[in-house]
Every structure is written in C-alpha cells, then in structure tokens.
PDB file of all heavy atoms in Angstrom:
ATOM      1  N   VAL A   1      -8.329 -14.413   3.300  1.00  0.00           N
ATOM      2  CA  VAL A   1      -6.961 -14.934   3.255  1.00  0.00           C
ATOM      3  C   VAL A   1      -6.077 -13.923   2.520  1.00  0.00           C
ATOM      4  O   VAL A   1      -6.424 -13.467   1.426  1.00  0.00           O
ATOM      5  CB  VAL A   1      -6.921 -16.306   2.544  1.00  0.00           C
ATOM      6  CG1 VAL A   1      -5.489 -16.799   2.380  1.00  0.00           C
ATOM      7  CG2 VAL A   1      -7.769 -17.311   3.303  1.00  0.00           C
ATOM      8  N   GLU A   2      -4.958 -13.598   3.126  1.00  0.00           N
ATOM      9  CA  GLU A   2      -4.026 -12.659   2.500  1.00  0.00           C
ATOM     10  C   GLU A   2      -3.416 -13.285   1.257  1.00  0.00           C
ATOM     11  O   GLU A   2      -2.884 -14.392   1.303  1.00  0.00           O
ATOM     12  CB  GLU A   2      -2.927 -12.282   3.488  1.00  0.00           C
ATOM     13  CG  GLU A   2      -1.977 -11.256   2.928  1.00  0.00           C
ATOM     14  CD  GLU A   2      -0.911 -10.810   3.917  1.00  0.00           C
ATOM     15  OE1 GLU A   2      -1.231 -10.607   5.115  1.00  0.00           O
ATOM     16  OE2 GLU A   2       0.242 -10.674   3.474  1.00  0.00           O
ATOM     17  N   LEU A   3      -3.500 -12.550   0.136  1.00  0.00           N
ATOM     18  CA  LEU A   3      -2.948 -13.017  -1.129  1.00  0.00           C
ATOM     19  C   LEU A   3      -1.591 -12.381  -1.436  1.00  0.00           C
ATOM     20  O   LEU A   3      -0.699 -13.033  -1.969  1.00  0.00           O
ATOM     21  CB  LEU A   3      -3.910 -12.716  -2.282  1.00  0.00           C
ATOM     22  CG  LEU A   3      -5.287 -13.362  -2.191  1.00  0.00           C
ATOM     23  CD1 LEU A   3      -6.160 -12.908  -3.342  1.00  0.00           C
ATOM     24  CD2 LEU A   3      -5.164 -14.882  -2.170  1.00  0.00           C
ATOM     25  N   GLU A   4      -1.486 -11.103  -1.128  1.00  0.00           N
ATOM     26  CA  GLU A   4      -0.242 -10.396  -1.432  1.00  0.00           C
ATOM     27  C   GLU A   4      -0.124  -9.189  -0.519  1.00  0.00           C
ATOM     28  O   GLU A   4      -1.113  -8.625  -0.078  1.00  0.00           O
ATOM     29  CB  GLU A   4      -0.245  -9.948  -2.900  1.00  0.00           C
ATOM     30  CG  GLU A   4       1.100  -9.525  -3.408  1.00  0.00           C
ATOM     31  CD  GLU A   4       1.166  -9.457  -4.935  1.00  0.00           C
ATOM     32  OE1 GLU A   4       0.199  -9.835  -5.626  1.00  0.00           O
ATOM     33  OE2 GLU A   4       2.222  -9.031  -5.425  1.00  0.00           O
ATOM     34  N   ARG A   5       1.136  -8.796  -0.257  1.00  0.00           N
ATOM     35  CA  ARG A   5       1.412  -7.636   0.596  1.00  0.00           C
ATOM     36  C   ARG A   5       2.518  -6.815  -0.055  1.00  0.00           C
ATOM     37  O   ARG A   5       3.523  -7.354  -0.495  1.00  0.00           O
ATOM     38  CB  ARG A   5       1.846  -8.109   1.989  1.00  0.00           C
ATOM     39  CG  ARG A   5       2.197  -6.985   2.955  1.00  0.00           C
ATOM     40  CD  ARG A   5       2.610  -7.542   4.316  1.00  0.00           C
ATOM     41  NE  ARG A   5       1.496  -8.210   4.956  1.00  0.00           N
ATOM     42  CZ  ARG A   5       0.745  -7.665   5.915  1.00  0.00           C
ATOM     43  NH1 ARG A   5       1.020  -6.452   6.350  1.00  0.00           N
ATOM     44  NH2 ARG A   5      -0.256  -8.333   6.447  1.00  0.00           N
ATOM     45  N   TRP A   6       2.286  -5.499  -0.094  1.00  0.00           N
ATOM     46  CA  TRP A   6       3.281  -4.568  -0.619  1.00  0.00           C
ATOM     47  C   TRP A   6       3.746  -3.697   0.527  1.00  0.00           C
ATOM     48  O   TRP A   6       2.943  -3.076   1.217  1.00  0.00           O
ATOM     49  CB  TRP A   6       2.692  -3.675  -1.713  1.00  0.00           C
ATOM     50  CG  TRP A   6       2.302  -4.422  -2.955  1.00  0.00           C
ATOM     51  CD1 TRP A   6       3.049  -4.594  -4.084  1.00  0.00           C
ATOM     52  CD2 TRP A   6       1.055  -5.069  -3.209  1.00  0.00           C
ATOM     53  NE1 TRP A   6       2.354  -5.316  -5.014  1.00  0.00           N
ATOM     54  CE2 TRP A   6       1.109  -5.622  -4.502  1.00  0.00           C
ATOM     55  CE3 TRP A   6      -0.113  -5.261  -2.469  1.00  0.00           C
ATOM     56  CZ2 TRP A   6       0.061  -6.329  -5.079  1.00  0.00           C
ATOM     57  CZ3 TRP A   6      -1.167  -5.958  -3.016  1.00  0.00           C
ATOM     58  CH2 TRP A   6      -1.056  -6.493  -4.314  1.00  0.00           C
ATOM     59  N   LYS A   7       5.037  -3.636   0.732  1.00  0.00           N
ATOM     60  CA  LYS A   7       5.628  -2.824   1.788  1.00  0.00           C
ATOM     61  C   LYS A   7       6.646  -1.896   1.136  1.00  0.00           C
ATOM     62  O   LYS A   7       7.491  -2.343   0.373  1.00  0.00           O
ATOM     63  CB  LYS A   7       6.293  -3.721   2.832  1.00  0.00           C
ATOM     64  CG  LYS A   7       6.718  -2.994   4.074  1.00  0.00           C
ATOM     65  CD  LYS A   7       7.189  -3.970   5.139  1.00  0.00           C
ATOM     66  CE  LYS A   7       7.602  -3.210   6.379  1.00  0.00           C
ATOM     67  NZ  LYS A   7       8.084  -4.051   7.434  1.00  0.00           N
ATOM     68  N   PHE A   8       6.558  -0.607   1.440  1.00  0.00           N
ATOM     69  CA  PHE A   8       7.384   0.371   0.750  1.00  0.00           C
ATOM     70  C   PHE A   8       8.488   0.949   1.615  1.00  0.00           C
ATOM     71  O   PHE A   8       9.374   1.624   1.116  1.00  0.00           O
ATOM     72  CB  PHE A   8       6.496   1.491   0.209  1.00  0.00           C
ATOM     73  CG  PHE A   8       5.475   0.967  -0.766  1.00  0.00           C
ATOM     74  CD1 PHE A   8       4.200   0.635  -0.341  1.00  0.00           C
ATOM     75  CD2 PHE A   8       5.806   0.750  -2.085  1.00  0.00           C
ATOM     76  CE1 PHE A   8       3.268   0.116  -1.218  1.00  0.00           C
ATOM     77  CE2 PHE A   8       4.888   0.229  -2.975  1.00  0.00           C
ATOM     78  CZ  PHE A   8       3.606  -0.088  -2.543  1.00  0.00           C
ATOM     79  N   SER A   9       8.413   0.716   2.912  1.00  0.00           N
ATOM     80  CA  SER A   9       9.431   1.219   3.823  1.00  0.00           C
ATOM     81  C   SER A   9       9.487   0.292   5.028  1.00  0.00           C
ATOM     82  O   SER A   9       8.478  -0.310   5.404  1.00  0.00           O
ATOM     83  CB  SER A   9       9.073   2.641   4.272  1.00  0.00           C
ATOM     84  OG  SER A   9       9.956   3.077   5.272  1.00  0.00           O
ATOM     85  N   ASP A  10      10.624   0.195   5.642  1.00  0.00           N
ATOM     86  CA  ASP A  10      10.740  -0.604   6.866  1.00  0.00           C
ATOM     87  C   ASP A  10      10.149   0.131   8.067  1.00  0.00           C
ATOM     88  O   ASP A  10       9.838  -0.485   9.069  1.00  0.00           O
ATOM     89  CB  ASP A  10      12.203  -0.945   7.147  1.00  0.00           C
ATOM     90  CG  ASP A  10      12.752  -1.948   6.148  1.00  0.00           C
ATOM     91  OD1 ASP A  10      11.958  -2.749   5.607  1.00  0.00           O
ATOM     92  OD2 ASP A  10      13.969  -1.928   5.903  1.00  0.00           O
ATOM     93  N   GLU A  11       9.995   1.440   7.950  1.00  0.00           N
ATOM     94  CA  GLU A  11       9.482   2.253   9.052  1.00  0.00           C
ATOM     95  C   GLU A  11       7.976   2.479   8.887  1.00  0.00           C
ATOM     96  O   GLU A  11       7.513   2.963   7.857  1.00  0.00           O
ATOM     97  CB  GLU A  11      10.212   3.605   9.094  1.00  0.00           C
ATOM     98  CG  GLU A  11       9.939   4.413  10.325  1.00  0.00           C
ATOM     99  CD  GLU A  11      10.377   3.727  11.606  1.00  0.00           C
ATOM    100  OE1 GLU A  11      11.476   3.140  11.631  1.00  0.00           O
ATOM    101  OE2 GLU A  11       9.609   3.771  12.586  1.00  0.00           O
ATOM    102  N   GLU A  12       7.207   2.122   9.905  1.00  0.00           N
ATOM    103  CA  GLU A  12       5.752   2.266   9.884  1.00  0.00           C
ATOM    104  C   GLU A  12       5.348   3.728   9.712  1.00  0.00           C
ATOM    105  O   GLU A  12       5.937   4.624  10.296  1.00  0.00           O
ATOM    106  CB  GLU A  12       5.182   1.716  11.200  1.00  0.00           C
ATOM    107  CG  GLU A  12       3.691   1.668  11.238  1.00  0.00           C
ATOM    108  CD  GLU A  12       3.199   1.052  12.526  1.00  0.00           C
ATOM    109  OE1 GLU A  12       3.716  -0.022  12.907  1.00  0.00           O
ATOM    110  OE2 GLU A  12       2.305   1.636  13.143  1.00  0.00           O
ATOM    111  N   ASP A  13       4.311   3.956   8.917  1.00  0.00           N
ATOM    112  CA  ASP A  13       3.733   5.279   8.641  1.00  0.00           C
ATOM    113  C   ASP A  13       4.780   6.313   8.256  1.00  0.00           C
ATOM    114  O   ASP A  13       4.735   7.465   8.679  1.00  0.00           O
ATOM    115  CB  ASP A  13       2.892   5.790   9.808  1.00  0.00           C
ATOM    116  CG  ASP A  13       2.034   7.003   9.419  1.00  0.00           C
ATOM    117  OD1 ASP A  13       1.714   7.139   8.217  1.00  0.00           O
ATOM    118  OD2 ASP A  13       1.709   7.809  10.288  1.00  0.00           O
ATOM    119  N   SER A  14       5.713   5.913   7.411  1.00  0.00           N
ATOM    120  CA  SER A  14       6.691   6.892   6.929  1.00  0.00           C
ATOM    121  C   SER A  14       6.212   7.521   5.615  1.00  0.00           C
ATOM    122  O   SER A  14       6.365   8.715   5.418  1.00  0.00           O
ATOM    123  CB  SER A  14       8.065   6.249   6.755  1.00  0.00           C
ATOM    124  OG  SER A  14       7.998   5.158   5.879  1.00  0.00           O
ATOM    125  N   TRP A  15       5.596   6.731   4.734  1.00  0.00           N
ATOM    126  CA  TRP A  15       5.073   7.262   3.480  1.00  0.00           C
ATOM    127  C   TRP A  15       3.669   7.840   3.656  1.00  0.00           C
ATOM    128  O   TRP A  15       3.226   8.634   2.868  1.00  0.00           O
ATOM    129  CB  TRP A  15       5.017   6.173   2.426  1.00  0.00           C
ATOM    130  CG  TRP A  15       6.321   5.813   1.797  1.00  0.00           C
ATOM    131  CD1 TRP A  15       7.568   5.869   2.354  1.00  0.00           C
ATOM    132  CD2 TRP A  15       6.493   5.326   0.482  1.00  0.00           C
ATOM    133  NE1 TRP A  15       8.497   5.439   1.466  1.00  0.00           N
ATOM    134  CE2 TRP A  15       7.870   5.091   0.297  1.00  0.00           C
ATOM    135  CE3 TRP A  15       5.633   5.049  -0.564  1.00  0.00           C
ATOM    136  CZ2 TRP A  15       8.392   4.602  -0.898  1.00  0.00           C
ATOM    137  CZ3 TRP A  15       6.148   4.565  -1.738  1.00  0.00           C
ATOM    138  CH2 TRP A  15       7.518   4.350  -1.900  1.00  0.00           C
ATOM    139  N   HIS A  16       2.931   7.394   4.646  1.00  0.00           N
ATOM    140  CA  HIS A  16       1.521   7.750   4.903  1.00  0.00           C
ATOM    141  C   HIS A  16       0.651   7.468   3.673  1.00  0.00           C
ATOM    142  O   HIS A  16       0.013   8.352   3.103  1.00  0.00           O
ATOM    143  CB  HIS A  16       1.376   9.197   5.371  1.00  0.00           C
ATOM    144  CG  HIS A  16       0.044   9.448   6.037  1.00  0.00           C
ATOM    145  ND1 HIS A  16      -0.230   8.990   7.298  1.00  0.00           N
ATOM    146  CD2 HIS A  16      -1.069  10.075   5.606  1.00  0.00           C
ATOM    147  CE1 HIS A  16      -1.460   9.345   7.628  1.00  0.00           C
ATOM    148  NE2 HIS A  16      -1.991   9.991   6.612  1.00  0.00           N
ATOM    149  N   ILE A  17       0.633   6.195   3.285  1.00  0.00           N
ATOM    150  CA  ILE A  17      -0.245   5.731   2.205  1.00  0.00           C
ATOM    151  C   ILE A  17      -1.666   5.753   2.760  1.00  0.00           C
ATOM    152  O   ILE A  17      -1.922   5.232   3.842  1.00  0.00           O
ATOM    153  CB  ILE A  17       0.157   4.318   1.755  1.00  0.00           C
ATOM    154  CG1 ILE A  17       1.551   4.354   1.148  1.00  0.00           C
ATOM    155  CG2 ILE A  17      -0.874   3.739   0.791  1.00  0.00           C
ATOM    156  CD1 ILE A  17       2.164   3.000   0.915  1.00  0.00           C
ATOM    157  N   ASN A  18      -2.612   6.384   2.018  1.00  0.00           N
ATOM    158  CA  ASN A  18      -3.937   6.574   2.609  1.00  0.00           C
ATOM    159  C   ASN A  18      -5.110   6.389   1.669  1.00  0.00           C
ATOM    160  O   ASN A  18      -6.246   6.451   2.094  1.00  0.00           O
ATOM    161  CB  ASN A  18      -4.015   7.965   3.237  1.00  0.00           C
ATOM    162  CG  ASN A  18      -3.746   9.033   2.225  1.00  0.00           C
ATOM    163  OD1 ASN A  18      -4.471   9.185   1.254  1.00  0.00           O
ATOM    164  ND2 ASN A  18      -2.663   9.773   2.418  1.00  0.00           N
ATOM    165  N   SER A  19      -4.888   6.183   0.385  1.00  0.00           N
ATOM    166  CA  SER A  19      -5.989   6.025  -0.549  1.00  0.00           C
ATOM    167  C   SER A  19      -5.565   5.089  -1.659  1.00  0.00           C
ATOM    168  O   SER A  19      -4.399   5.083  -2.065  1.00  0.00           O
ATOM    169  CB  SER A  19      -6.379   7.395  -1.133  1.00  0.00           C
ATOM    170  OG  SER A  19      -7.536   7.301  -1.935  1.00  0.00           O
ATOM    171  N   ILE A  20      -6.518   4.294  -2.131  1.00  0.00           N
ATOM    172  CA  ILE A  20      -6.238   3.354  -3.220  1.00  0.00           C
ATOM    173  C   ILE A  20      -7.441   3.378  -4.151  1.00  0.00           C
ATOM    174  O   ILE A  20      -8.578   3.542  -3.694  1.00  0.00           O
ATOM    175  CB  ILE A  20      -5.931   1.941  -2.660  1.00  0.00           C
ATOM    176  CG1 ILE A  20      -5.361   1.047  -3.735  1.00  0.00           C
ATOM    177  CG2 ILE A  20      -7.129   1.338  -1.970  1.00  0.00           C
ATOM    178  CD1 ILE A  20      -4.682  -0.205  -3.180  1.00  0.00           C
ATOM    179  N   GLU A  21      -7.188   3.265  -5.462  1.00  0.00           N
ATOM    180  CA  GLU A  21      -8.271   3.364  -6.443  1.00  0.00           C
ATOM    181  C   GLU A  21      -7.880   2.607  -7.695  1.00  0.00           C
ATOM    182  O   GLU A  21      -6.686   2.470  -8.003  1.00  0.00           O
ATOM    183  CB  GLU A  21      -8.518   4.840  -6.777  1.00  0.00           C
ATOM    184  CG  GLU A  21      -9.561   5.141  -7.832  1.00  0.00           C
ATOM    185  CD  GLU A  21     -10.986   4.896  -7.380  1.00  0.00           C
ATOM    186  OE1 GLU A  21     -11.287   3.767  -6.905  1.00  0.00           O
ATOM    187  OE2 GLU A  21     -11.813   5.811  -7.501  1.00  0.00           O
ATOM    188  N   LYS A  22      -8.872   2.118  -8.420  1.00  0.00           N
ATOM    189  CA  LYS A  22      -8.631   1.529  -9.728  1.00  0.00           C
ATOM    190  C   LYS A  22      -8.885   2.638 -10.750  1.00  0.00           C
ATOM    191  O   LYS A  22      -9.960   3.238 -10.771  1.00  0.00           O
ATOM    192  CB  LYS A  22      -9.548   0.338  -9.982  1.00  0.00           C
ATOM    193  CG  LYS A  22      -9.163  -0.426 -11.207  1.00  0.00           C
ATOM    194  CD  LYS A  22      -9.818  -1.771 -11.271  1.00  0.00           C
ATOM    195  CE  LYS A  22      -9.252  -2.517 -12.466  1.00  0.00           C
ATOM    196  NZ  LYS A  22      -9.851  -3.829 -12.590  1.00  0.00           N
ATOM    197  N   TRP A  23      -7.864   2.933 -11.550  1.00  0.00           N
ATOM    198  CA  TRP A  23      -7.926   4.055 -12.495  1.00  0.00           C
ATOM    199  C   TRP A  23      -7.336   3.620 -13.825  1.00  0.00           C
ATOM    200  O   TRP A  23      -6.161   3.269 -13.891  1.00  0.00           O
ATOM    201  CB  TRP A  23      -7.171   5.246 -11.907  1.00  0.00           C
ATOM    202  CG  TRP A  23      -7.095   6.467 -12.743  1.00  0.00           C
ATOM    203  CD1 TRP A  23      -8.086   7.014 -13.519  1.00  0.00           C
ATOM    204  CD2 TRP A  23      -5.960   7.319 -12.908  1.00  0.00           C
ATOM    205  NE1 TRP A  23      -7.636   8.142 -14.141  1.00  0.00           N
ATOM    206  CE2 TRP A  23      -6.333   8.362 -13.782  1.00  0.00           C
ATOM    207  CE3 TRP A  23      -4.664   7.308 -12.397  1.00  0.00           C
ATOM    208  CZ2 TRP A  23      -5.460   9.375 -14.153  1.00  0.00           C
ATOM    209  CZ3 TRP A  23      -3.798   8.323 -12.768  1.00  0.00           C
ATOM    210  CH2 TRP A  23      -4.197   9.340 -13.630  1.00  0.00           C
ATOM    211  N   ASN A  24      -8.166   3.574 -14.853  1.00  0.00           N
ATOM    212  CA  ASN A  24      -7.735   3.188 -16.201  1.00  0.00           C
ATOM    213  C   ASN A  24      -6.994   1.852 -16.212  1.00  0.00           C
ATOM    214  O   ASN A  24      -5.947   1.702 -16.847  1.00  0.00           O
ATOM    215  CB  ASN A  24      -6.878   4.289 -16.836  1.00  0.00           C
ATOM    216  CG  ASN A  24      -7.672   5.549 -17.088  1.00  0.00           C
ATOM    217  OD1 ASN A  24      -8.824   5.476 -17.515  1.00  0.00           O
ATOM    218  ND2 ASN A  24      -7.087   6.690 -16.799  1.00  0.00           N
ATOM    219  N   GLY A  25      -7.553   0.872 -15.495  1.00  0.00           N
ATOM    220  CA  GLY A  25      -6.979  -0.474 -15.465  1.00  0.00           C
ATOM    221  C   GLY A  25      -5.787  -0.638 -14.551  1.00  0.00           C
ATOM    222  O   GLY A  25      -5.219  -1.717 -14.456  1.00  0.00           O
TER     223      GLY A  25
END
C-alpha cells in the first residue's frame, strides 16, 4: 500500500532520480 509519494517536477524524467540510500539517519 502506498504510504507517501514525493514528486519534484511536473515533467517525467526531468531530474533523473536514480538512487536512494539511508545515510547517517
């Protein structure tokens, strides 16, 4: 179940977000 969604631009693949990590909390 989707809990939360973050959107950074109205245009798809404009920022090219590609990696996510937990770093120092």
